[in-house]
PDB file of N, CA and C in Angstrom:
ATOM      1  N   MET A   1     -18.902  -3.383 -23.211  1.00  0.00           N
ATOM      2  CA  MET A   1     -18.813  -2.213 -22.828  1.00  0.00           C
ATOM      3  C   MET A   1     -20.573  -2.046 -23.245  1.00  0.00           C
ATOM      4  N   GLU A   2     -21.439  -0.808 -22.729  1.00  0.00           N
ATOM      5  CA  GLU A   2     -22.871  -0.612 -23.157  1.00  0.00           C
ATOM      6  C   GLU A   2     -22.566   0.456 -23.642  1.00  0.00           C
ATOM      7  N   GLU A   3     -23.389   0.018 -25.615  1.00  0.00           N
ATOM      8  CA  GLU A   3     -23.498   1.454 -26.422  1.00  0.00           C
ATOM      9  C   GLU A   3     -25.149   1.926 -25.980  1.00  0.00           C
ATOM     10  N   ALA A   4     -24.805   3.168 -26.792  1.00  0.00           N
ATOM     11  CA  ALA A   4     -25.480   4.288 -25.500  1.00  0.00           C
ATOM     12  C   ALA A   4     -27.166   4.107 -26.956  1.00  0.00           C
ATOM     13  N   GLY A   5     -27.878   4.780 -26.380  1.00  0.00           N
ATOM     14  CA  GLY A   5     -29.626   4.125 -26.205  1.00  0.00           C
ATOM     15  C   GLY A   5     -29.862   4.097 -27.670  1.00  0.00           C
ATOM     16  N   MET A   6     -30.381   3.417 -28.377  1.00  0.00           N
ATOM     17  CA  MET A   6     -31.830   4.294 -29.694  1.00  0.00           C
ATOM     18  C   MET A   6     -32.388   5.102 -29.115  1.00  0.00           C
ATOM     19  N   THR A   7     -33.136   5.898 -30.686  1.00  0.00           N
ATOM     20  CA  THR A   7     -33.615   6.797 -30.763  1.00  0.00           C
ATOM     21  C   THR A   7     -35.565   6.527 -30.448  1.00  0.00           C
ATOM     22  N   SER A   8     -36.381   6.808 -30.479  1.00  0.00           N
ATOM     23  CA  SER A   8     -37.630   6.592 -30.493  1.00  0.00           C
ATOM     24  C   SER A   8     -37.952   6.516 -31.547  1.00  0.00           C
ATOM     25  N   ALA A   9     -36.859   7.205 -32.968  1.00  0.00           N
ATOM     26  CA  ALA A   9     -37.564   6.953 -34.509  1.00  0.00           C
ATOM     27  C   ALA A   9     -36.707   5.961 -34.670  1.00  0.00           C
ATOM     28  N   ASP A  10     -35.573   4.770 -34.058  1.00  0.00           N
ATOM     29  CA  ASP A  10     -34.297   3.993 -34.343  1.00  0.00           C
ATOM     30  C   ASP A  10     -35.294   3.200 -33.483  1.00  0.00           C
ATOM     31  N   ILE A  11     -36.209   3.039 -32.174  1.00  0.00           N
ATOM     32  CA  ILE A  11     -37.299   2.067 -31.665  1.00  0.00           C
ATOM     33  C   ILE A  11     -38.331   1.775 -32.681  1.00  0.00           C
ATOM     34  N   LYS A  12     -38.678   2.735 -33.179  1.00  0.00           N
ATOM     35  CA  LYS A  12     -40.263   2.659 -33.821  1.00  0.00           C
ATOM     36  C   LYS A  12     -39.877   1.802 -35.358  1.00  0.00           C
ATOM     37  N   ARG A  13     -38.614   2.060 -35.911  1.00  0.00           N
ATOM     38  CA  ARG A  13     -37.844   2.033 -36.919  1.00  0.00           C
ATOM     39  C   ARG A  13     -37.625   0.532 -37.062  1.00  0.00           C
ATOM     40  N   PHE A  14     -37.226  -0.033 -36.253  1.00  0.00           N
ATOM     41  CA  PHE A  14     -36.798  -1.823 -35.453  1.00  0.00           C
ATOM     42  C   PHE A  14     -38.019  -2.448 -35.429  1.00  0.00           C
ATOM     43  N   TYR A  15     -39.253  -1.798 -34.626  1.00  0.00           N
ATOM     44  CA  TYR A  15     -40.771  -2.771 -34.235  1.00  0.00           C
ATOM     45  C   TYR A  15     -41.548  -2.502 -36.154  1.00  0.00           C
ATOM     46  N   ASP A  16     -40.942  -1.426 -37.102  1.00  0.00           N
ATOM     47  CA  ASP A  16     -41.828  -1.698 -37.563  1.00  0.00           C
ATOM     48  C   ASP A  16     -41.044  -2.878 -38.849  1.00  0.00           C
ATOM     49  N   GLN A  17     -39.609  -3.103 -38.858  1.00  0.00           N
ATOM     50  CA  GLN A  17     -39.074  -3.853 -39.731  1.00  0.00           C
ATOM     51  C   GLN A  17     -38.763  -5.479 -38.754  1.00  0.00           C
ATOM     52  N   HIS A  18     -38.923  -5.529 -37.616  1.00  0.00           N
ATOM     53  CA  HIS A  18     -38.571  -6.593 -37.328  1.00  0.00           C
ATOM     54  C   HIS A  18     -39.246  -7.113 -36.719  1.00  0.00           C
ATOM     55  N   VAL A  19     -40.558  -6.515 -35.925  1.00  0.00           N
ATOM     56  CA  VAL A  19     -41.745  -7.001 -34.720  1.00  0.00           C
ATOM     57  C   VAL A  19     -43.375  -7.269 -35.382  1.00  0.00           C
ATOM     58  N   LYS A  20     -42.789  -5.912 -36.108  1.00  0.00           N
ATOM     59  CA  LYS A  20     -45.172  -6.158 -36.309  1.00  0.00           C
ATOM     60  C   LYS A  20     -45.063  -6.576 -37.221  1.00  0.00           C
ATOM     61  N   PRO A  21     -43.916  -7.716 -38.392  1.00  0.00           N
ATOM     62  CA  PRO A  21     -44.246  -8.980 -39.354  1.00  0.00           C
ATOM     63  C   PRO A  21     -44.419  -9.991 -38.385  1.00  0.00           C
ATOM     64  N   LEU A  22     -44.137 -10.045 -37.366  1.00  0.00           N
ATOM     65  CA  LEU A  22     -44.021 -11.443 -36.021  1.00  0.00           C
ATOM     66  C   LEU A  22     -45.750 -11.784 -36.752  1.00  0.00           C
ATOM     67  N   SER A  23     -45.907 -13.154 -36.650  1.00  0.00           N
ATOM     68  CA  SER A  23     -47.391 -13.129 -35.755  1.00  0.00           C
ATOM     69  C   SER A  23     -47.538 -12.946 -34.560  1.00  0.00           C
ATOM     70  N   ALA A  24     -49.052 -12.944 -34.292  1.00  0.00           N
ATOM     71  CA  ALA A  24     -49.558 -13.014 -32.978  1.00  0.00           C
ATOM     72  C   ALA A  24     -49.245 -13.677 -31.862  1.00  0.00           C
ATOM     73  N   VAL A  25     -48.748 -14.735 -32.300  1.00  0.00           N
ATOM     74  CA  VAL A  25     -47.819 -15.988 -31.111  1.00  0.00           C
ATOM     75  C   VAL A  25     -46.671 -15.027 -30.991  1.00  0.00           C
ATOM     76  N   ASP A  26     -46.095 -15.309 -31.819  1.00  0.00           N
ATOM     77  CA  ASP A  26     -44.328 -14.136 -32.098  1.00  0.00           C
ATOM     78  C   ASP A  26     -44.110 -13.478 -31.198  1.00  0.00           C
ATOM     79  N   ARG A  27     -45.220 -12.181 -31.168  1.00  0.00           N
ATOM     80  CA  ARG A  27     -45.100 -10.730 -30.655  1.00  0.00           C
ATOM     81  C   ARG A  27     -45.160 -11.851 -29.377  1.00  0.00           C
ATOM     82  N   ARG A  28     -46.523 -12.027 -28.738  1.00  0.00           N
ATOM     83  CA  ARG A  28     -46.840 -12.443 -27.532  1.00  0.00           C
ATOM     84  C   ARG A  28     -45.873 -13.348 -26.864  1.00  0.00           C
ATOM     85  N   GLN A  29     -44.675 -14.020 -27.550  1.00  0.00           N
ATOM     86  CA  GLN A  29     -43.492 -14.474 -26.881  1.00  0.00           C
ATOM     87  C   GLN A  29     -42.332 -13.521 -26.903  1.00  0.00           C
ATOM     88  N   LEU A  30     -42.082 -12.603 -28.066  1.00  0.00           N
ATOM     89  CA  LEU A  30     -41.148 -11.503 -27.320  1.00  0.00           C
ATOM     90  C   LEU A  30     -41.358 -10.657 -26.042  1.00  0.00           C
ATOM     91  N   LEU A  31     -42.358 -10.606 -26.136  1.00  0.00           N
ATOM     92  CA  LEU A  31     -43.699  -9.467 -24.916  1.00  0.00           C
ATOM     93  C   LEU A  31     -43.117 -10.286 -24.133  1.00  0.00           C
ATOM     94  N   GLU A  32     -43.337 -12.020 -23.571  1.00  0.00           N
ATOM     95  CA  GLU A  32     -42.668 -11.916 -22.326  1.00  0.00           C
ATOM     96  C   GLU A  32     -41.524 -12.151 -22.249  1.00  0.00           C
ATOM     97  N   LEU A  33     -40.806 -12.855 -23.167  1.00  0.00           N
ATOM     98  CA  LEU A  33     -39.265 -13.039 -22.910  1.00  0.00           C
ATOM     99  C   LEU A  33     -38.836 -11.405 -22.527  1.00  0.00           C
ATOM    100  N   LEU A  34     -39.125 -10.712 -23.199  1.00  0.00           N
ATOM    101  CA  LEU A  34     -38.581  -9.034 -22.725  1.00  0.00           C
ATOM    102  C   LEU A  34     -39.172  -8.802 -21.980  1.00  0.00           C
ATOM    103  N   GLN A  35     -40.368  -8.661 -20.977  1.00  0.00           N
ATOM    104  CA  GLN A  35     -40.589  -8.898 -19.690  1.00  0.00           C
ATOM    105  C   GLN A  35     -40.145  -9.785 -18.401  1.00  0.00           C
ATOM    106  N   ARG A  36     -39.584 -10.340 -18.747  1.00  0.00           N
ATOM    107  CA  ARG A  36     -38.841 -11.236 -17.579  1.00  0.00           C
ATOM    108  C   ARG A  36     -37.206 -10.844 -17.748  1.00  0.00           C
ATOM    109  N   GLU A  37     -36.727 -10.445 -18.842  1.00  0.00           N
ATOM    110  CA  GLU A  37     -35.716  -9.470 -18.558  1.00  0.00           C
ATOM    111  C   GLU A  37     -35.767  -8.239 -17.690  1.00  0.00           C
ATOM    112  N   LEU A  38     -37.020  -7.985 -18.164  1.00  0.00           N
ATOM    113  CA  LEU A  38     -36.972  -6.549 -17.767  1.00  0.00           C
ATOM    114  C   LEU A  38     -37.461  -7.127 -16.001  1.00  0.00           C
ATOM    115  N   GLU A  39     -38.061  -7.728 -15.349  1.00  0.00           N
ATOM    116  CA  GLU A  39     -37.809  -7.938 -14.111  1.00  0.00           C
ATOM    117  C   GLU A  39     -37.009  -8.927 -13.452  1.00  0.00           C
ATOM    118  N   ILE A  40     -35.526  -8.786 -14.426  1.00  0.00           N
ATOM    119  CA  ILE A  40     -34.974  -9.416 -13.211  1.00  0.00           C
ATOM    120  C   ILE A  40     -33.601  -8.093 -13.349  1.00  0.00           C
ATOM    121  N   GLU A  41     -34.266  -7.571 -13.970  1.00  0.00           N
ATOM    122  CA  GLU A  41     -32.758  -6.643 -14.012  1.00  0.00           C
ATOM    123  C   GLU A  41     -33.589  -4.968 -13.308  1.00  0.00           C
ATOM    124  N   THR A  42     -35.414  -4.976 -13.342  1.00  0.00           N
ATOM    125  CA  THR A  42     -35.449  -3.986 -12.560  1.00  0.00           C
ATOM    126  C   THR A  42     -36.147  -4.615 -11.180  1.00  0.00           C
ATOM    127  N   ASP A  43     -35.588  -5.692 -10.891  1.00  0.00           N
ATOM    128  CA  ASP A  43     -36.099  -6.723  -9.353  1.00  0.00           C
ATOM    129  C   ASP A  43     -35.451  -5.884  -8.606  1.00  0.00           C
ATOM    130  N   ASN A  44     -36.504  -5.772  -7.159  1.00  0.00           N
ATOM    131  CA  ASN A  44     -36.009  -4.623  -6.310  1.00  0.00           C
ATOM    132  C   ASN A  44     -36.207  -5.728  -5.268  1.00  0.00           C
ATOM    133  N   HIS A  45     -35.290  -5.718  -4.473  1.00  0.00           N
ATOM    134  CA  HIS A  45     -34.951  -6.527  -2.909  1.00  0.00           C
ATOM    135  C   HIS A  45     -36.074  -5.954  -1.794  1.00  0.00           C
ATOM    136  N   GLN A  46     -36.756  -7.133  -1.694  1.00  0.00           N
ATOM    137  CA  GLN A  46     -37.659  -6.608  -0.590  1.00  0.00           C
ATOM    138  C   GLN A  46     -37.326  -6.654   0.546  1.00  0.00           C
ATOM    139  N   HIS A  47     -37.948  -5.457   1.088  1.00  0.00           N
ATOM    140  CA  HIS A  47     -37.781  -4.508   1.960  1.00  0.00           C
ATOM    141  C   HIS A  47     -38.345  -4.991   3.418  1.00  0.00           C
ATOM    142  N   SER A  48     -37.934  -5.630   4.781  1.00  0.00           N
ATOM    143  CA  SER A  48     -38.398  -5.639   6.492  1.00  0.00           C
ATOM    144  C   SER A  48     -38.242  -4.486   6.670  1.00  0.00           C
ATOM    145  N   ILE A  49     -39.232  -3.925   7.476  1.00  0.00           N
ATOM    146  CA  ILE A  49     -39.554  -2.804   8.096  1.00  0.00           C
ATOM    147  C   ILE A  49     -39.022  -3.340   9.012  1.00  0.00           C
ATOM    148  N   LEU A  50     -38.372  -4.537   9.682  1.00  0.00           N
ATOM    149  CA  LEU A  50     -37.680  -4.199  11.194  1.00  0.00           C
ATOM    150  C   LEU A  50     -35.708  -4.038  10.639  1.00  0.00           C
ATOM    151  N   GLU A  51     -35.275  -3.412   8.686  1.00  0.00           N
ATOM    152  CA  GLU A  51     -34.714  -2.601   8.835  1.00  0.00           C
ATOM    153  C   GLU A  51     -34.473  -1.765   9.792  1.00  0.00           C
ATOM    154  N   LEU A  52     -35.794  -1.164   9.906  1.00  0.00           N
ATOM    155  CA  LEU A  52     -36.118   0.407  10.216  1.00  0.00           C
ATOM    156  C   LEU A  52     -35.166   0.237  11.886  1.00  0.00           C
ATOM    157  N   GLU A  53     -35.536  -0.783  12.129  1.00  0.00           N
ATOM    158  CA  GLU A  53     -35.269  -0.515  13.330  1.00  0.00           C
ATOM    159  C   GLU A  53     -33.909   0.699  13.939  1.00  0.00           C
ATOM    160  N   GLY A  54     -34.161   0.695  14.714  1.00  0.00           N
ATOM    161  CA  GLY A  54     -32.965   2.023  15.199  1.00  0.00           C
ATOM    162  C   GLY A  54     -32.504   3.197  14.350  1.00  0.00           C
ATOM    163  N   LEU A  55     -33.235   3.737  13.354  1.00  0.00           N
ATOM    164  CA  LEU A  55     -32.961   4.524  12.289  1.00  0.00           C
ATOM    165  C   LEU A  55     -33.550   5.751  13.156  1.00  0.00           C
ATOM    166  N   GLY A  56     -32.583   6.407  13.253  1.00  0.00           N
ATOM    167  CA  GLY A  56     -33.031   8.038  14.334  1.00  0.00           C
ATOM    168  C   GLY A  56     -32.970   8.039  15.419  1.00  0.00           C
ATOM    169  N   ALA A  57     -32.683   6.554  16.058  1.00  0.00           N
ATOM    170  CA  ALA A  57     -31.705   6.697  17.759  1.00  0.00           C
ATOM    171  C   ALA A  57     -31.808   7.466  17.866  1.00  0.00           C
ATOM    172  N   GLU A  58     -30.624   8.473  17.534  1.00  0.00           N
ATOM    173  CA  GLU A  58     -30.104   9.130  17.782  1.00  0.00           C
ATOM    174  C   GLU A  58     -31.256  10.919  18.283  1.00  0.00           C
ATOM    175  N   ILE A  59     -31.886  10.362  17.688  1.00  0.00           N
ATOM    176  CA  ILE A  59     -32.365  12.166  17.979  1.00  0.00           C
ATOM    177  C   ILE A  59     -33.416  11.904  19.092  1.00  0.00           C
ATOM    178  N   TRP A  60     -32.819  10.853  19.771  1.00  0.00           N
ATOM    179  CA  TRP A  60     -34.152  10.272  21.079  1.00  0.00           C
ATOM    180  C   TRP A  60     -32.771  10.831  22.267  1.00  0.00           C
ATOM    181  N   HIS A  61     -31.682  10.495  21.555  1.00  0.00           N
ATOM    182  CA  HIS A  61     -30.995  10.341  22.943  1.00  0.00           C
ATOM    183  C   HIS A  61     -30.846  11.500  23.726  1.00  0.00           C
ATOM    184  N   GLY A  62     -30.824  10.593  25.349  1.00  0.00           N
ATOM    185  CA  GLY A  62     -31.099  12.176  25.793  1.00  0.00           C
ATOM    186  C   GLY A  62     -32.415  12.373  26.201  1.00  0.00           C
ATOM    187  N   ILE A  63     -33.677  12.169  25.809  1.00  0.00           N
ATOM    188  CA  ILE A  63     -35.069  12.804  26.442  1.00  0.00           C
ATOM    189  C   ILE A  63     -35.773  11.289  26.208  1.00  0.00           C
ATOM    190  N   ASP A  64     -35.854  11.505  27.794  1.00  0.00           N
ATOM    191  CA  ASP A  64     -36.973  10.332  28.070  1.00  0.00           C
ATOM    192  C   ASP A  64     -38.663  10.437  27.874  1.00  0.00           C
ATOM    193  N   ALA A  65     -38.425   9.040  27.511  1.00  0.00           N
ATOM    194  CA  ALA A  65     -40.221   8.937  26.410  1.00  0.00           C
ATOM    195  C   ALA A  65     -40.796   9.323  27.714  1.00  0.00           C
ATOM    196  N   GLN A  66     -41.089   9.203  29.296  1.00  0.00           N
ATOM    197  CA  GLN A  66     -41.797   9.422  30.069  1.00  0.00           C
ATOM    198  C   GLN A  66     -42.047  10.417  29.702  1.00  0.00           C
ATOM    199  N   MET A  67     -41.529  11.335  30.419  1.00  0.00           N
ATOM    200  CA  MET A  67     -41.721  12.951  29.734  1.00  0.00           C
ATOM    201  C   MET A  67     -42.105  13.501  28.746  1.00  0.00           C
ATOM    202  N   TYR A  68     -41.581  12.794  28.068  1.00  0.00           N
ATOM    203  CA  TYR A  68     -42.167  13.234  26.377  1.00  0.00           C
ATOM    204  C   TYR A  68     -43.802  12.906  26.107  1.00  0.00           C
ATOM    205  N   VAL A  69     -43.898  12.092  26.262  1.00  0.00           N
ATOM    206  CA  VAL A  69     -45.500  11.533  26.454  1.00  0.00           C
ATOM    207  C   VAL A  69     -45.963  12.429  27.026  1.00  0.00           C
ATOM    208  N   ASP A  70     -45.712  13.148  28.519  1.00  0.00           N
ATOM    209  CA  ASP A  70     -46.692  13.159  29.568  1.00  0.00           C
ATOM    210  C   ASP A  70     -46.681  15.236  28.497  1.00  0.00           C
ATOM    211  N   HIS A  71     -45.581  15.692  28.053  1.00  0.00           N
ATOM    212  CA  HIS A  71     -45.367  16.988  27.680  1.00  0.00           C
ATOM    213  C   HIS A  71     -46.926  17.055  26.345  1.00  0.00           C
ATOM    214  N   LEU A  72     -47.111  15.793  25.604  1.00  0.00           N
ATOM    215  CA  LEU A  72     -47.695  15.857  24.899  1.00  0.00           C
ATOM    216  C   LEU A  72     -49.311  15.510  25.373  1.00  0.00           C
ATOM    217  N   ARG A  73     -49.072  14.549  25.989  1.00  0.00           N
ATOM    218  CA  ARG A  73     -51.184  14.146  26.666  1.00  0.00           C
ATOM    219  C   ARG A  73     -50.804  16.125  26.740  1.00  0.00           C
ATOM    220  N   SER A  74     -49.849  17.666  27.774  1.00  0.00           N
ATOM    221  CA  SER A  74     -50.355  18.571  28.377  1.00  0.00           C
ATOM    222  C   SER A  74     -50.743  19.357  27.750  1.00  0.00           C
ATOM    223  N   GLU A  75     -50.055  18.853  26.131  1.00  0.00           N
ATOM    224  CA  GLU A  75     -51.063  20.091  24.583  1.00  0.00           C
ATOM    225  C   GLU A  75     -52.232  19.714  24.796  1.00  0.00           C
ATOM    226  N   TRP A  76     -52.811  18.449  24.955  1.00  0.00           N
ATOM    227  CA  TRP A  76     -54.739  17.961  24.419  1.00  0.00           C
ATOM    228  C   TRP A  76     -55.243  19.374  24.868  1.00  0.00           C
ATOM    229  N   ASP A  77     -54.156  19.292  26.146  1.00  0.00           N
ATOM    230  CA  ASP A  77     -55.440  20.705  26.759  1.00  0.00           C
ATOM    231  C   ASP A  77     -55.241  21.732  26.576  1.00  0.00           C
ATOM    232  N   HIS A  78     -54.787  22.162  25.916  1.00  0.00           N
ATOM    233  CA  HIS A  78     -54.658  23.876  24.823  1.00  0.00           C
ATOM    234  C   HIS A  78     -54.808  23.620  23.524  1.00  0.00           C
ATOM    235  N   ARG A  79     -54.611  22.375  23.103  1.00  0.00           N
ATOM    236  CA  ARG A  79     -55.725  22.500  21.496  1.00  0.00           C
ATOM    237  C   ARG A  79     -57.161  23.109  21.328  1.00  0.00           C
ATOM    238  N   PRO A  80     -57.484  23.346  20.435  1.00  0.00           N
ATOM    239  CA  PRO A  80     -59.334  24.303  20.217  1.00  0.00           C
ATOM    240  C   PRO A  80     -59.890  23.061  19.755  1.00  0.00           C
TER     241      PRO A  80
END
Protein backbone atom coordinates (compact mmCIF):
# COMPACT_ATOMS: atom_id res chain seq x y z
CA MET A 1 0.00 0.00 0.00
CA GLU A 2 1.35 3.43 -0.94
CA GLU A 3 1.94 5.95 1.84
CA ALA A 4 0.73 9.53 1.74
CA GLY A 5 3.27 11.92 0.23
CA MET A 6 5.64 14.04 2.25
CA THR A 7 5.04 17.75 2.68
CA SER A 8 7.51 20.28 1.35
CA ALA A 9 8.68 20.86 4.92
CA ASP A 10 9.23 17.11 5.39
CA ILE A 11 11.26 16.93 2.18
CA LYS A 12 13.36 19.95 3.20
CA ARG A 13 13.99 18.43 6.62
CA PHE A 14 14.94 15.08 5.06
CA TYR A 15 17.29 16.85 2.64
CA ASP A 16 18.94 18.87 5.41
CA GLN A 17 19.39 15.82 7.65
CA HIS A 18 20.30 13.10 5.16
CA VAL A 19 21.28 14.47 1.77
CA LYS A 20 23.05 17.75 2.43
CA PRO A 21 25.73 16.14 4.63
CA LEU A 22 26.72 13.76 1.80
CA SER A 23 29.77 14.47 -0.31
CA ALA A 24 29.27 15.94 -3.77
CA VAL A 25 30.11 12.54 -5.29
CA ASP A 26 27.51 10.77 -3.13
CA ARG A 27 24.85 13.42 -3.88
CA ARG A 28 25.56 13.02 -7.59
CA GLN A 29 25.18 9.23 -7.29
CA LEU A 30 21.91 9.72 -5.40
CA LEU A 31 20.68 12.12 -8.06
CA GLU A 32 21.56 9.65 -10.83
CA LEU A 33 19.74 6.87 -8.97
CA LEU A 34 16.63 9.03 -8.52
CA GLN A 35 16.77 10.12 -12.15
CA ARG A 36 16.92 6.53 -13.39
CA GLU A 37 14.03 5.55 -11.11
CA LEU A 38 11.93 8.48 -12.30
CA GLU A 39 12.68 7.69 -15.93
CA ILE A 40 11.39 4.15 -15.38
CA GLU A 41 8.22 5.41 -13.67
CA THR A 42 7.52 8.04 -16.31
CA ASP A 43 8.76 6.11 -19.33
CA ASN A 44 6.11 6.95 -21.89
CA HIS A 45 5.52 4.50 -24.68
CA GLN A 46 6.68 6.04 -27.93
CA HIS A 47 3.78 6.10 -30.33
CA SER A 48 3.90 5.74 -34.05
CA ILE A 49 2.03 8.09 -36.36
CA LEU A 50 0.67 4.92 -37.95
CA GLU A 51 -1.43 4.31 -34.81
CA LEU A 52 -3.63 7.19 -35.97
CA GLU A 53 -4.56 5.40 -39.18
CA GLY A 54 -8.34 5.28 -39.58
CA LEU A 55 -8.99 7.53 -36.59
CA GLY A 56 -12.03 9.68 -37.31
CA ALA A 57 -12.85 7.75 -40.47
CA GLU A 58 -16.52 7.73 -39.52
CA ILE A 59 -16.84 11.48 -40.11
CA TRP A 60 -15.95 10.95 -43.77
CA HIS A 61 -18.44 8.12 -44.26
CA GLY A 62 -20.60 8.81 -47.30
CA ILE A 63 -18.51 11.76 -48.51
CA ASP A 64 -16.98 11.51 -51.96
CA ALA A 65 -13.35 12.62 -51.70
CA GLN A 66 -13.20 14.15 -55.17
CA MET A 67 -16.42 16.12 -54.63
CA TYR A 68 -15.03 17.41 -51.34
CA VAL A 69 -11.78 18.54 -52.94
CA ASP A 70 -13.67 20.15 -55.83
CA HIS A 71 -15.83 22.06 -53.33
CA LEU A 72 -12.74 23.34 -51.47
CA ARG A 73 -11.13 24.44 -54.72
CA SER A 74 -14.28 26.29 -55.78
CA GLU A 75 -14.14 28.25 -52.50
CA TRP A 76 -10.67 29.51 -53.42
CA ASP A 77 -12.16 31.66 -56.15
CA HIS A 78 -14.32 33.51 -53.61
CA ARG A 79 -11.66 34.20 -51.00
CA PRO A 80 -10.29 37.75 -50.64
